[in-house]
């Protein structure tokens, strides 16, 4: 079974590129264009294995989303990897497993995602 990533990114080109790349790497990917869409998805659906989160977004920022996630008992242990250029302007939110600056280095991203690869993905990679 493929690991599920919730990709939260407002920039359409970046979101589409990452979705395609992660799918080719063997992950199942769901996308949200802002924090509010991600929050709605997290509340109604199964918990993803990991969330990739941009911090600076319209409607609801990544910081606001993380505040809500941390208050929700079912979600507070959700692994989150920040992929954002905003880390230098504000502290990274609590509960973050890794922070990867933009412009994104795909090797850094894959290193951060390695713990979330399923056994079937690892077997398929070799």
PDB file of N, CA and C in Angstrom:
ATOM      1  N   UNK A   1       0.844  -1.181   0.000  1.00  0.00           N
ATOM      2  CA  UNK A   1       0.000   0.000   0.000  1.00  0.00           C
ATOM      3  C   UNK A   1       0.890   1.244   0.000  1.00  0.00           C
ATOM      4  N   UNK A   2       0.536   2.204  -0.836  1.00  0.00           N
ATOM      5  CA  UNK A   2       1.315   3.434  -0.959  1.00  0.00           C
ATOM      6  C   UNK A   2       1.013   4.381   0.200  1.00  0.00           C
ATOM      7  N   UNK A   3       2.042   5.072   0.656  1.00  0.00           N
ATOM      8  CA  UNK A   3       1.864   6.084   1.698  1.00  0.00           C
ATOM      9  C   UNK A   3       1.134   7.287   1.111  1.00  0.00           C
ATOM     10  N   UNK A   4       0.248   7.876   1.919  1.00  0.00           N
ATOM     11  CA  UNK A   4      -0.560   9.011   1.472  1.00  0.00           C
ATOM     12  C   UNK A   4       0.028  10.322   1.969  1.00  0.00           C
ATOM     13  N   UNK A   5       0.264  11.230   1.032  1.00  0.00           N
ATOM     14  CA  UNK A   5       0.750  12.575   1.332  1.00  0.00           C
ATOM     15  C   UNK A   5      -0.378  13.566   1.046  1.00  0.00           C
ATOM     16  N   UNK A   6      -0.613  14.474   2.004  1.00  0.00           N
ATOM     17  CA  UNK A   6      -1.478  15.617   1.743  1.00  0.00           C
ATOM     18  C   UNK A   6      -0.553  16.789   1.422  1.00  0.00           C
ATOM     19  N   UNK A   7      -0.607  17.248   0.191  1.00  0.00           N
ATOM     20  CA  UNK A   7       0.226  18.340  -0.304  1.00  0.00           C
ATOM     21  C   UNK A   7      -0.582  19.636  -0.235  1.00  0.00           C
ATOM     22  N   UNK A   8      -0.131  20.585   0.581  1.00  0.00           N
ATOM     23  CA  UNK A   8      -0.839  21.851   0.777  1.00  0.00           C
ATOM     24  C   UNK A   8       0.038  22.968   0.213  1.00  0.00           C
ATOM     25  N   UNK A   9      -0.348  23.451  -0.957  1.00  0.00           N
ATOM     26  CA  UNK A   9       0.455  24.441  -1.702  1.00  0.00           C
ATOM     27  C   UNK A   9      -0.486  25.297  -2.528  1.00  0.00           C
ATOM     28  N   UNK A  10      -0.373  26.621  -2.419  1.00  0.00           N
ATOM     29  CA  UNK A  10      -1.266  27.506  -3.155  1.00  0.00           C
ATOM     30  C   UNK A  10      -0.792  27.801  -4.575  1.00  0.00           C
ATOM     31  N   UNK A  11       0.485  27.689  -4.839  1.00  0.00           N
ATOM     32  CA  UNK A  11       1.018  27.988  -6.162  1.00  0.00           C
ATOM     33  C   UNK A  11       0.734  26.800  -7.091  1.00  0.00           C
ATOM     34  N   UNK A  12      -0.096  27.016  -8.104  1.00  0.00           N
ATOM     35  CA  UNK A  12      -0.583  25.931  -8.960  1.00  0.00           C
ATOM     36  C   UNK A  12       0.552  25.166  -9.633  1.00  0.00           C
ATOM     37  N   UNK A  13       1.507  25.874 -10.234  1.00  0.00           N
ATOM     38  CA  UNK A  13       2.600  25.187 -10.933  1.00  0.00           C
ATOM     39  C   UNK A  13       3.421  24.316  -9.976  1.00  0.00           C
ATOM     40  N   UNK A  14       3.734  24.855  -8.805  1.00  0.00           N
ATOM     41  CA  UNK A  14       4.496  24.089  -7.812  1.00  0.00           C
ATOM     42  C   UNK A  14       3.710  22.869  -7.351  1.00  0.00           C
ATOM     43  N   UNK A  15       2.432  23.072  -7.093  1.00  0.00           N
ATOM     44  CA  UNK A  15       1.566  21.977  -6.626  1.00  0.00           C
ATOM     45  C   UNK A  15       1.495  20.866  -7.665  1.00  0.00           C
ATOM     46  N   UNK A  16       1.289  21.225  -8.928  1.00  0.00           N
ATOM     47  CA  UNK A  16       1.185  20.213  -9.982  1.00  0.00           C
ATOM     48  C   UNK A  16       2.506  19.480 -10.194  1.00  0.00           C
ATOM     49  N   UNK A  17       3.620  20.216 -10.140  1.00  0.00           N
ATOM     50  CA  UNK A  17       4.932  19.592 -10.306  1.00  0.00           C
ATOM     51  C   UNK A  17       5.202  18.611  -9.164  1.00  0.00           C
ATOM     52  N   UNK A  18       4.940  19.043  -7.937  1.00  0.00           N
ATOM     53  CA  UNK A  18       5.180  18.171  -6.789  1.00  0.00           C
ATOM     54  C   UNK A  18       4.256  16.958  -6.791  1.00  0.00           C
ATOM     55  N   UNK A  19       3.004  17.168  -7.144  1.00  0.00           N
ATOM     56  CA  UNK A  19       2.064  16.048  -7.208  1.00  0.00           C
ATOM     57  C   UNK A  19       2.549  15.000  -8.209  1.00  0.00           C
ATOM     58  N   UNK A  20       2.966  15.440  -9.377  1.00  0.00           N
ATOM     59  CA  UNK A  20       3.458  14.504 -10.396  1.00  0.00           C
ATOM     60  C   UNK A  20       4.735  13.805  -9.925  1.00  0.00           C
ATOM     61  N   UNK A  21       5.674  14.563  -9.377  1.00  0.00           N
ATOM     62  CA  UNK A  21       6.932  13.989  -8.902  1.00  0.00           C
ATOM     63  C   UNK A  21       6.687  12.947  -7.812  1.00  0.00           C
ATOM     64  N   UNK A  22       5.865  13.294  -6.829  1.00  0.00           N
ATOM     65  CA  UNK A  22       5.608  12.371  -5.715  1.00  0.00           C
ATOM     66  C   UNK A  22       4.857  11.128  -6.164  1.00  0.00           C
ATOM     67  N   UNK A  23       3.963  11.287  -7.119  1.00  0.00           N
ATOM     68  CA  UNK A  23       3.252  10.134  -7.666  1.00  0.00           C
ATOM     69  C   UNK A  23       4.231   9.203  -8.372  1.00  0.00           C
ATOM     70  N   UNK A  24       5.128   9.776  -9.158  1.00  0.00           N
ATOM     71  CA  UNK A  24       6.149   8.966  -9.832  1.00  0.00           C
ATOM     72  C   UNK A  24       7.078   8.278  -8.833  1.00  0.00           C
ATOM     73  N   UNK A  25       7.254   8.878  -7.667  1.00  0.00           N
ATOM     74  CA  UNK A  25       8.083   8.277  -6.613  1.00  0.00           C
ATOM     75  C   UNK A  25       7.323   7.206  -5.832  1.00  0.00           C
ATOM     76  N   UNK A  26       6.050   6.985  -6.181  1.00  0.00           N
ATOM     77  CA  UNK A  26       5.293   5.897  -5.577  1.00  0.00           C
ATOM     78  C   UNK A  26       4.356   6.278  -4.458  1.00  0.00           C
ATOM     79  N   UNK A  27       4.185   7.564  -4.191  1.00  0.00           N
ATOM     80  CA  UNK A  27       3.276   7.998  -3.142  1.00  0.00           C
ATOM     81  C   UNK A  27       1.874   8.224  -3.709  1.00  0.00           C
ATOM     82  N   UNK A  28       0.875   8.046  -2.867  1.00  0.00           N
ATOM     83  CA  UNK A  28      -0.473   8.511  -3.174  1.00  0.00           C
ATOM     84  C   UNK A  28      -0.519   9.970  -2.715  1.00  0.00           C
ATOM     85  N   UNK A  29      -1.076  10.851  -3.527  1.00  0.00           N
ATOM     86  CA  UNK A  29      -1.039  12.281  -3.218  1.00  0.00           C
ATOM     87  C   UNK A  29      -2.439  12.870  -3.324  1.00  0.00           C
ATOM     88  N   UNK A  30      -2.822  13.604  -2.293  1.00  0.00           N
ATOM     89  CA  UNK A  30      -4.013  14.443  -2.334  1.00  0.00           C
ATOM     90  C   UNK A  30      -3.534  15.871  -2.198  1.00  0.00           C
ATOM     91  N   UNK A  31      -4.228  16.803  -2.842  1.00  0.00           N
ATOM     92  CA  UNK A  31      -3.777  18.192  -2.836  1.00  0.00           C
ATOM     93  C   UNK A  31      -4.832  19.118  -2.243  1.00  0.00           C
ATOM     94  N   UNK A  32      -4.331  20.213  -1.679  1.00  0.00           N
ATOM     95  CA  UNK A  32      -5.178  21.289  -1.177  1.00  0.00           C
ATOM     96  C   UNK A  32      -4.501  22.600  -1.555  1.00  0.00           C
ATOM     97  N   UNK A  33      -5.286  23.547  -2.035  1.00  0.00           N
ATOM     98  CA  UNK A  33      -4.741  24.812  -2.512  1.00  0.00           C
ATOM     99  C   UNK A  33      -4.536  25.868  -1.443  1.00  0.00           C
ATOM    100  N   UNK A  34      -4.988  25.610  -0.219  1.00  0.00           N
ATOM    101  CA  UNK A  34      -4.759  26.530   0.897  1.00  0.00           C
ATOM    102  C   UNK A  34      -5.040  25.785   2.199  1.00  0.00           C
ATOM    103  N   UNK A  35      -4.764  26.451   3.308  1.00  0.00           N
ATOM    104  CA  UNK A  35      -4.940  25.813   4.601  1.00  0.00           C
ATOM    105  C   UNK A  35      -6.372  25.424   4.916  1.00  0.00           C
ATOM    106  N   UNK A  36      -7.340  26.224   4.468  1.00  0.00           N
ATOM    107  CA  UNK A  36      -8.740  25.903   4.731  1.00  0.00           C
ATOM    108  C   UNK A  36      -9.153  24.625   4.006  1.00  0.00           C
ATOM    109  N   UNK A  37      -8.766  24.495   2.741  1.00  0.00           N
ATOM    110  CA  UNK A  37      -9.065  23.263   2.006  1.00  0.00           C
ATOM    111  C   UNK A  37      -8.405  22.064   2.678  1.00  0.00           C
ATOM    112  N   UNK A  38      -7.172  22.241   3.145  1.00  0.00           N
ATOM    113  CA  UNK A  38      -6.478  21.157   3.837  1.00  0.00           C
ATOM    114  C   UNK A  38      -7.202  20.796   5.133  1.00  0.00           C
ATOM    115  N   UNK A  39      -7.633  21.799   5.887  1.00  0.00           N
ATOM    116  CA  UNK A  39      -8.341  21.557   7.142  1.00  0.00           C
ATOM    117  C   UNK A  39      -9.633  20.776   6.900  1.00  0.00           C
ATOM    118  N   UNK A  40     -10.378  21.186   5.870  1.00  0.00           N
ATOM    119  CA  UNK A  40     -11.618  20.468   5.533  1.00  0.00           C
ATOM    120  C   UNK A  40     -11.314  19.022   5.168  1.00  0.00           C
ATOM    121  N   UNK A  41     -10.253  18.798   4.394  1.00  0.00           N
ATOM    122  CA  UNK A  41      -9.864  17.438   4.013  1.00  0.00           C
ATOM    123  C   UNK A  41      -9.443  16.618   5.230  1.00  0.00           C
ATOM    124  N   UNK A  42      -8.668  17.216   6.117  1.00  0.00           N
ATOM    125  CA  UNK A  42      -8.209  16.508   7.310  1.00  0.00           C
ATOM    126  C   UNK A  42      -9.366  16.143   8.232  1.00  0.00           C
ATOM    127  N   UNK A  43     -10.345  16.986   8.331  1.00  0.00           N
ATOM    128  CA  UNK A  43     -11.486  16.727   9.224  1.00  0.00           C
ATOM    129  C   UNK A  43     -12.405  15.645   8.689  1.00  0.00           C
ATOM    130  N   UNK A  44     -12.539  15.535   7.359  1.00  0.00           N
ATOM    131  CA  UNK A  44     -13.516  14.597   6.797  1.00  0.00           C
ATOM    132  C   UNK A  44     -12.924  13.273   6.349  1.00  0.00           C
ATOM    133  N   UNK A  45     -11.653  13.223   6.068  1.00  0.00           N
ATOM    134  CA  UNK A  45     -11.085  12.026   5.469  1.00  0.00           C
ATOM    135  C   UNK A  45     -10.143  11.298   6.386  1.00  0.00           C
ATOM    136  N   UNK A  46      -9.603  10.203   5.909  1.00  0.00           N
ATOM    137  CA  UNK A  46      -8.607   9.488   6.704  1.00  0.00           C
ATOM    138  C   UNK A  46      -7.347  10.347   6.861  1.00  0.00           C
ATOM    139  N   UNK A  47      -6.661  10.152   7.959  1.00  0.00           N
ATOM    140  CA  UNK A  47      -5.452  10.917   8.229  1.00  0.00           C
ATOM    141  C   UNK A  47      -4.348  10.476   7.272  1.00  0.00           C
ATOM    142  N   UNK A  48      -3.725  11.432   6.581  1.00  0.00           N
ATOM    143  CA  UNK A  48      -2.618  11.059   5.693  1.00  0.00           C
ATOM    144  C   UNK A  48      -1.419  10.587   6.511  1.00  0.00           C
ATOM    145  N   UNK A  49      -0.474   9.949   5.845  1.00  0.00           N
ATOM    146  CA  UNK A  49       0.744   9.506   6.519  1.00  0.00           C
ATOM    147  C   UNK A  49       1.663  10.675   6.832  1.00  0.00           C
ATOM    148  N   UNK A  50       1.601  11.707   5.999  1.00  0.00           N
ATOM    149  CA  UNK A  50       2.433  12.904   6.181  1.00  0.00           C
ATOM    150  C   UNK A  50       1.789  14.053   5.407  1.00  0.00           C
ATOM    151  N   UNK A  51       2.005  15.280   5.901  1.00  0.00           N
ATOM    152  CA  UNK A  51       1.509  16.458   5.203  1.00  0.00           C
ATOM    153  C   UNK A  51       2.700  17.325   4.804  1.00  0.00           C
ATOM    154  N   UNK A  52       2.755  17.701   3.524  1.00  0.00           N
ATOM    155  CA  UNK A  52       3.720  18.685   3.029  1.00  0.00           C
ATOM    156  C   UNK A  52       3.007  20.021   3.036  1.00  0.00           C
ATOM    157  N   UNK A  53       3.574  21.003   3.719  1.00  0.00           N
ATOM    158  CA  UNK A  53       2.847  22.230   4.001  1.00  0.00           C
ATOM    159  C   UNK A  53       3.637  23.481   3.641  1.00  0.00           C
ATOM    160  N   UNK A  54       3.053  24.288   2.765  1.00  0.00           N
ATOM    161  CA  UNK A  54       3.547  25.643   2.536  1.00  0.00           C
ATOM    162  C   UNK A  54       3.010  26.491   3.687  1.00  0.00           C
ATOM    163  N   UNK A  55       3.731  27.509   4.091  1.00  0.00           N
ATOM    164  CA  UNK A  55       3.278  28.344   5.205  1.00  0.00           C
ATOM    165  C   UNK A  55       2.538  29.587   4.755  1.00  0.00           C
ATOM    166  N   UNK A  56       2.983  30.195   3.658  1.00  0.00           N
ATOM    167  CA  UNK A  56       2.378  31.445   3.209  1.00  0.00           C
ATOM    168  C   UNK A  56       1.363  31.149   2.109  1.00  0.00           C
ATOM    169  N   UNK A  57       0.070  31.200   2.509  1.00  0.00           N
ATOM    170  CA  UNK A  57      -1.019  30.912   1.569  1.00  0.00           C
ATOM    171  C   UNK A  57      -2.190  31.836   1.867  1.00  0.00           C
ATOM    172  N   UNK A  58      -3.030  32.072   0.868  1.00  0.00           N
ATOM    173  CA  UNK A  58      -4.244  32.859   1.105  1.00  0.00           C
ATOM    174  C   UNK A  58      -5.287  32.021   1.849  1.00  0.00           C
ATOM    175  N   UNK A  59      -6.318  32.654   2.292  1.00  0.00           N
ATOM    176  CA  UNK A  59      -7.487  32.072   2.954  1.00  0.00           C
ATOM    177  C   UNK A  59      -7.128  31.589   4.361  1.00  0.00           C
ATOM    178  N   UNK A  60      -6.235  30.604   4.476  1.00  0.00           N
ATOM    179  CA  UNK A  60      -5.725  30.153   5.776  1.00  0.00           C
ATOM    180  C   UNK A  60      -4.263  29.777   5.584  1.00  0.00           C
ATOM    181  N   UNK A  61      -3.393  30.402   6.347  1.00  0.00           N
ATOM    182  CA  UNK A  61      -1.961  30.137   6.212  1.00  0.00           C
ATOM    183  C   UNK A  61      -1.593  28.787   6.823  1.00  0.00           C
ATOM    184  N   UNK A  62      -0.382  28.356   6.543  1.00  0.00           N
ATOM    185  CA  UNK A  62       0.121  27.133   7.145  1.00  0.00           C
ATOM    186  C   UNK A  62       0.240  27.246   8.655  1.00  0.00           C
ATOM    187  N   UNK A  63       0.581  28.442   9.157  1.00  0.00           N
ATOM    188  CA  UNK A  63       0.658  28.646  10.596  1.00  0.00           C
ATOM    189  C   UNK A  63      -0.721  28.442  11.230  1.00  0.00           C
ATOM    190  N   UNK A  64      -1.752  29.021  10.611  1.00  0.00           N
ATOM    191  CA  UNK A  64      -3.112  28.864  11.143  1.00  0.00           C
ATOM    192  C   UNK A  64      -3.561  27.403  11.084  1.00  0.00           C
ATOM    193  N   UNK A  65      -3.243  26.736   9.990  1.00  0.00           N
ATOM    194  CA  UNK A  65      -3.600  25.325   9.874  1.00  0.00           C
ATOM    195  C   UNK A  65      -2.923  24.512  10.973  1.00  0.00           C
ATOM    196  N   UNK A  66      -1.644  24.751  11.221  1.00  0.00           N
ATOM    197  CA  UNK A  66      -0.933  23.998  12.250  1.00  0.00           C
ATOM    198  C   UNK A  66      -1.505  24.247  13.639  1.00  0.00           C
ATOM    199  N   UNK A  67      -1.975  25.459  13.915  1.00  0.00           N
ATOM    200  CA  UNK A  67      -2.630  25.739  15.201  1.00  0.00           C
ATOM    201  C   UNK A  67      -3.857  24.844  15.369  1.00  0.00           C
ATOM    202  N   UNK A  68      -4.641  24.715  14.320  1.00  0.00           N
ATOM    203  CA  UNK A  68      -5.836  23.868  14.377  1.00  0.00           C
ATOM    204  C   UNK A  68      -5.463  22.388  14.503  1.00  0.00           C
ATOM    205  N   UNK A  69      -4.486  21.968  13.729  1.00  0.00           N
ATOM    206  CA  UNK A  69      -4.057  20.557  13.763  1.00  0.00           C
ATOM    207  C   UNK A  69      -3.581  20.191  15.168  1.00  0.00           C
ATOM    208  N   UNK A  70      -2.807  21.070  15.796  1.00  0.00           N
ATOM    209  CA  UNK A  70      -2.270  20.787  17.125  1.00  0.00           C
ATOM    210  C   UNK A  70      -3.359  20.701  18.198  1.00  0.00           C
ATOM    211  N   UNK A  71      -4.499  21.337  17.976  1.00  0.00           N
ATOM    212  CA  UNK A  71      -5.606  21.307  18.941  1.00  0.00           C
ATOM    213  C   UNK A  71      -6.540  20.118  18.737  1.00  0.00           C
ATOM    214  N   UNK A  72      -6.415  19.433  17.614  1.00  0.00           N
ATOM    215  CA  UNK A  72      -7.301  18.311  17.281  1.00  0.00           C
ATOM    216  C   UNK A  72      -6.640  17.005  17.725  1.00  0.00           C
ATOM    217  N   UNK A  73      -7.195  16.318  18.732  1.00  0.00           N
ATOM    218  CA  UNK A  73      -6.546  15.103  19.246  1.00  0.00           C
ATOM    219  C   UNK A  73      -6.215  14.065  18.168  1.00  0.00           C
ATOM    220  N   UNK A  74      -7.083  13.866  17.207  1.00  0.00           N
ATOM    221  CA  UNK A  74      -6.862  12.862  16.156  1.00  0.00           C
ATOM    222  C   UNK A  74      -5.714  13.252  15.228  1.00  0.00           C
ATOM    223  N   UNK A  75      -5.408  14.537  15.143  1.00  0.00           N
ATOM    224  CA  UNK A  75      -4.422  15.017  14.172  1.00  0.00           C
ATOM    225  C   UNK A  75      -3.125  15.524  14.790  1.00  0.00           C
ATOM    226  N   UNK A  76      -3.090  15.716  16.088  1.00  0.00           N
ATOM    227  CA  UNK A  76      -1.937  16.417  16.667  1.00  0.00           C
ATOM    228  C   UNK A  76      -0.610  15.688  16.476  1.00  0.00           C
ATOM    229  N   UNK A  77      -0.629  14.396  16.178  1.00  0.00           N
ATOM    230  CA  UNK A  77       0.614  13.658  15.916  1.00  0.00           C
ATOM    231  C   UNK A  77       0.884  13.459  14.430  1.00  0.00           C
ATOM    232  N   UNK A  78       0.119  14.139  13.586  1.00  0.00           N
ATOM    233  CA  UNK A  78       0.325  14.054  12.136  1.00  0.00           C
ATOM    234  C   UNK A  78       1.712  14.579  11.789  1.00  0.00           C
ATOM    235  N   UNK A  79       2.541  13.783  11.116  1.00  0.00           N
ATOM    236  CA  UNK A  79       3.853  14.281  10.693  1.00  0.00           C
ATOM    237  C   UNK A  79       3.697  15.362   9.624  1.00  0.00           C
ATOM    238  N   UNK A  80       4.406  16.465   9.816  1.00  0.00           N
ATOM    239  CA  UNK A  80       4.319  17.594   8.891  1.00  0.00           C
ATOM    240  C   UNK A  80       5.731  17.982   8.460  1.00  0.00           C
ATOM    241  N   UNK A  81       5.887  18.170   7.158  1.00  0.00           N
ATOM    242  CA  UNK A  81       7.122  18.680   6.589  1.00  0.00           C
ATOM    243  C   UNK A  81       6.794  20.014   5.930  1.00  0.00           C
ATOM    244  N   UNK A  82       7.425  21.067   6.406  1.00  0.00           N
ATOM    245  CA  UNK A  82       7.213  22.390   5.834  1.00  0.00           C
ATOM    246  C   UNK A  82       8.082  22.536   4.598  1.00  0.00           C
ATOM    247  N   UNK A  83       7.460  23.005   3.517  1.00  0.00           N
ATOM    248  CA  UNK A  83       8.167  23.323   2.275  1.00  0.00           C
ATOM    249  C   UNK A  83       7.786  24.770   1.975  1.00  0.00           C
ATOM    250  N   UNK A  84       8.656  25.705   2.405  1.00  0.00           N
ATOM    251  CA  UNK A  84       8.264  27.109   2.323  1.00  0.00           C
ATOM    252  C   UNK A  84       9.479  28.018   2.314  1.00  0.00           C
ATOM    253  N   UNK A  85       9.300  29.160   1.716  1.00  0.00           N
ATOM    254  CA  UNK A  85      10.315  30.193   1.756  1.00  0.00           C
ATOM    255  C   UNK A  85      10.111  31.123   2.939  1.00  0.00           C
ATOM    256  N   UNK A  86       9.118  30.848   3.775  1.00  0.00           N
ATOM    257  CA  UNK A  86       8.745  31.753   4.859  1.00  0.00           C
ATOM    258  C   UNK A  86       9.447  31.467   6.169  1.00  0.00           C
ATOM    259  N   UNK A  87      10.194  30.389   6.262  1.00  0.00           N
ATOM    260  CA  UNK A  87      10.801  30.009   7.523  1.00  0.00           C
ATOM    261  C   UNK A  87      11.677  31.072   8.147  1.00  0.00           C
ATOM    262  N   UNK A  88      12.284  31.892   7.332  1.00  0.00           N
ATOM    263  CA  UNK A  88      13.187  32.901   7.869  1.00  0.00           C
ATOM    264  C   UNK A  88      12.437  34.104   8.443  1.00  0.00           C
ATOM    265  N   UNK A  89      11.183  34.297   8.090  1.00  0.00           N
ATOM    266  CA  UNK A  89      10.456  35.474   8.539  1.00  0.00           C
ATOM    267  C   UNK A  89       9.656  35.241   9.810  1.00  0.00           C
ATOM    268  N   UNK A  90       9.284  34.004  10.088  1.00  0.00           N
ATOM    269  CA  UNK A  90       8.545  33.649  11.299  1.00  0.00           C
ATOM    270  C   UNK A  90       9.042  32.302  11.779  1.00  0.00           C
ATOM    271  N   UNK A  91       8.914  32.031  13.060  1.00  0.00           N
ATOM    272  CA  UNK A  91       9.336  30.720  13.552  1.00  0.00           C
ATOM    273  C   UNK A  91       8.506  29.601  12.913  1.00  0.00           C
ATOM    274  N   UNK A  92       9.138  28.464  12.720  1.00  0.00           N
ATOM    275  CA  UNK A  92       8.431  27.298  12.183  1.00  0.00           C
ATOM    276  C   UNK A  92       7.469  26.803  13.256  1.00  0.00           C
ATOM    277  N   UNK A  93       6.236  26.443  12.889  1.00  0.00           N
ATOM    278  CA  UNK A  93       5.235  26.005  13.871  1.00  0.00           C
ATOM    279  C   UNK A  93       5.656  24.753  14.632  1.00  0.00           C
ATOM    280  N   UNK A  94       5.049  24.568  15.803  1.00  0.00           N
ATOM    281  CA  UNK A  94       5.240  23.352  16.595  1.00  0.00           C
ATOM    282  C   UNK A  94       4.767  22.144  15.799  1.00  0.00           C
ATOM    283  N   UNK A  95       5.361  20.978  16.053  1.00  0.00           N
ATOM    284  CA  UNK A  95       4.911  19.743  15.424  1.00  0.00           C
ATOM    285  C   UNK A  95       5.518  19.464  14.067  1.00  0.00           C
ATOM    286  N   UNK A  96       6.489  20.242  13.657  1.00  0.00           N
ATOM    287  CA  UNK A  96       7.082  20.077  12.331  1.00  0.00           C
ATOM    288  C   UNK A  96       8.224  19.060  12.406  1.00  0.00           C
ATOM    289  N   UNK A  97       8.205  18.065  11.504  1.00  0.00           N
ATOM    290  CA  UNK A  97       9.273  17.057  11.449  1.00  0.00           C
ATOM    291  C   UNK A  97      10.510  17.560  10.728  1.00  0.00           C
ATOM    292  N   UNK A  98      10.287  18.367   9.681  1.00  0.00           N
ATOM    293  CA  UNK A  98      11.396  18.889   8.882  1.00  0.00           C
ATOM    294  C   UNK A  98      10.932  20.169   8.212  1.00  0.00           C
ATOM    295  N   UNK A  99      11.893  21.005   7.853  1.00  0.00           N
ATOM    296  CA  UNK A  99      11.600  22.232   7.122  1.00  0.00           C
ATOM    297  C   UNK A  99      12.563  22.318   5.949  1.00  0.00           C
ATOM    298  N   UNK A 100      12.007  22.401   4.747  1.00  0.00           N
ATOM    299  CA  UNK A 100      12.811  22.461   3.533  1.00  0.00           C
ATOM    300  C   UNK A 100      12.534  23.806   2.866  1.00  0.00           C
ATOM    301  N   UNK A 101      13.565  24.614   2.674  1.00  0.00           N
ATOM    302  CA  UNK A 101      13.349  25.940   2.093  1.00  0.00           C
ATOM    303  C   UNK A 101      13.062  25.869   0.595  1.00  0.00           C
ATOM    304  N   UNK A 102      12.354  26.886   0.126  1.00  0.00           N
ATOM    305  CA  UNK A 102      12.184  27.084  -1.308  1.00  0.00           C
ATOM    306  C   UNK A 102      13.267  28.043  -1.753  1.00  0.00           C
ATOM    307  N   UNK A 103      13.805  27.907  -2.948  1.00  0.00           N
ATOM    308  CA  UNK A 103      13.441  26.914  -3.953  1.00  0.00           C
ATOM    309  C   UNK A 103      13.782  25.507  -3.472  1.00  0.00           C
ATOM    310  N   UNK A 104      12.898  24.607  -3.785  1.00  0.00           N
ATOM    311  CA  UNK A 104      12.922  23.245  -3.274  1.00  0.00           C
ATOM    312  C   UNK A 104      13.993  22.399  -3.940  1.00  0.00           C
ATOM    313  N   UNK A 105      14.747  21.683  -3.119  1.00  0.00           N
ATOM    314  CA  UNK A 105      15.701  20.683  -3.600  1.00  0.00           C
ATOM    315  C   UNK A 105      15.011  19.327  -3.456  1.00  0.00           C
ATOM    316  N   UNK A 106      14.743  18.659  -4.573  1.00  0.00           N
ATOM    317  CA  UNK A 106      13.996  17.402  -4.548  1.00  0.00           C
ATOM    318  C   UNK A 106      14.730  16.300  -3.791  1.00  0.00           C
ATOM    319  N   UNK A 107      16.061  16.317  -3.788  1.00  0.00           N
ATOM    320  CA  UNK A 107      16.812  15.332  -2.998  1.00  0.00           C
ATOM    321  C   UNK A 107      16.562  15.539  -1.507  1.00  0.00           C
ATOM    322  N   UNK A 108      16.539  16.798  -1.065  1.00  0.00           N
ATOM    323  CA  UNK A 108      16.228  17.085   0.339  1.00  0.00           C
ATOM    324  C   UNK A 108      14.820  16.615   0.681  1.00  0.00           C
ATOM    325  N   UNK A 109      13.881  16.859  -0.224  1.00  0.00           N
ATOM    326  CA  UNK A 109      12.511  16.422  -0.002  1.00  0.00           C
ATOM    327  C   UNK A 109      12.437  14.909   0.145  1.00  0.00           C
ATOM    328  N   UNK A 110      13.094  14.176  -0.737  1.00  0.00           N
ATOM    329  CA  UNK A 110      13.031  12.717  -0.675  1.00  0.00           C
ATOM    330  C   UNK A 110      13.703  12.186   0.593  1.00  0.00           C
ATOM    331  N   UNK A 111      14.760  12.834   1.048  1.00  0.00           N
ATOM    332  CA  UNK A 111      15.374  12.419   2.321  1.00  0.00           C
ATOM    333  C   UNK A 111      14.397  12.608   3.475  1.00  0.00           C
ATOM    334  N   UNK A 112      13.668  13.720   3.472  1.00  0.00           N
ATOM    335  CA  UNK A 112      12.690  13.978   4.532  1.00  0.00           C
ATOM    336  C   UNK A 112      11.516  13.007   4.470  1.00  0.00           C
ATOM    337  N   UNK A 113      11.170  12.552   3.264  1.00  0.00           N
ATOM    338  CA  UNK A 113      10.036  11.636   3.090  1.00  0.00           C
ATOM    339  C   UNK A 113      10.405  10.164   3.256  1.00  0.00           C
ATOM    340  N   UNK A 114      11.682   9.852   3.316  1.00  0.00           N
ATOM    341  CA  UNK A 114      12.122   8.454   3.387  1.00  0.00           C
ATOM    342  C   UNK A 114      11.438   7.657   4.504  1.00  0.00           C
ATOM    343  N   UNK A 115      11.269   8.205   5.714  1.00  0.00           N
ATOM    344  CA  UNK A 115      10.601   7.427   6.765  1.00  0.00           C
ATOM    345  C   UNK A 115       9.139   7.091   6.462  1.00  0.00           C
ATOM    346  N   UNK A 116       8.569   7.753   5.489  1.00  0.00           N
ATOM    347  CA  UNK A 116       7.154   7.561   5.179  1.00  0.00           C
ATOM    348  C   UNK A 116       6.916   6.659   3.979  1.00  0.00           C
ATOM    349  N   UNK A 117       7.970   6.146   3.405  1.00  0.00           N
ATOM    350  CA  UNK A 117       7.821   5.196   2.305  1.00  0.00           C
ATOM    351  C   UNK A 117       7.318   3.878   2.866  1.00  0.00           C
ATOM    352  N   UNK A 118       6.330   3.301   2.214  1.00  0.00           N
ATOM    353  CA  UNK A 118       5.827   1.994   2.641  1.00  0.00           C
ATOM    354  C   UNK A 118       6.811   0.909   2.215  1.00  0.00           C
ATOM    355  N   UNK A 119       6.679  -0.262   2.805  1.00  0.00           N
ATOM    356  CA  UNK A 119       7.553  -1.376   2.442  1.00  0.00           C
ATOM    357  C   UNK A 119       7.396  -1.721   0.971  1.00  0.00           C
ATOM    358  N   UNK A 120       6.174  -1.638   0.422  1.00  0.00           N
ATOM    359  CA  UNK A 120       5.979  -1.962  -0.994  1.00  0.00           C
ATOM    360  C   UNK A 120       6.681  -0.936  -1.888  1.00  0.00           C
ATOM    361  N   UNK A 121       6.715   0.324  -1.467  1.00  0.00           N
ATOM    362  CA  UNK A 121       7.432   1.349  -2.233  1.00  0.00           C
ATOM    363  C   UNK A 121       8.929   1.084  -2.202  1.00  0.00           C
ATOM    364  N   UNK A 122       9.442   0.702  -1.055  1.00  0.00           N
ATOM    365  CA  UNK A 122      10.866   0.419  -0.942  1.00  0.00           C
ATOM    366  C   UNK A 122      11.256  -0.767  -1.811  1.00  0.00           C
ATOM    367  N   UNK A 123      10.431  -1.801  -1.837  1.00  0.00           N
ATOM    368  CA  UNK A 123      10.715  -2.979  -2.644  1.00  0.00           C
ATOM    369  C   UNK A 123      10.677  -2.630  -4.132  1.00  0.00           C
ATOM    370  N   UNK A 124       9.746  -1.781  -4.528  1.00  0.00           N
ATOM    371  CA  UNK A 124       9.612  -1.404  -5.926  1.00  0.00           C
ATOM    372  C   UNK A 124      10.782  -0.535  -6.393  1.00  0.00           C
ATOM    373  N   UNK A 125      11.433   0.162  -5.452  1.00  0.00           N
ATOM    374  CA  UNK A 125      12.528   1.043  -5.816  1.00  0.00           C
ATOM    375  C   UNK A 125      13.807   0.274  -6.153  1.00  0.00           C
ATOM    376  N   UNK A 126      13.848  -1.018  -5.792  1.00  0.00           N
ATOM    377  CA  UNK A 126      15.072  -1.808  -6.016  1.00  0.00           C
ATOM    378  C   UNK A 126      14.882  -2.892  -7.020  1.00  0.00           C
TER     379      UNK A 126
END
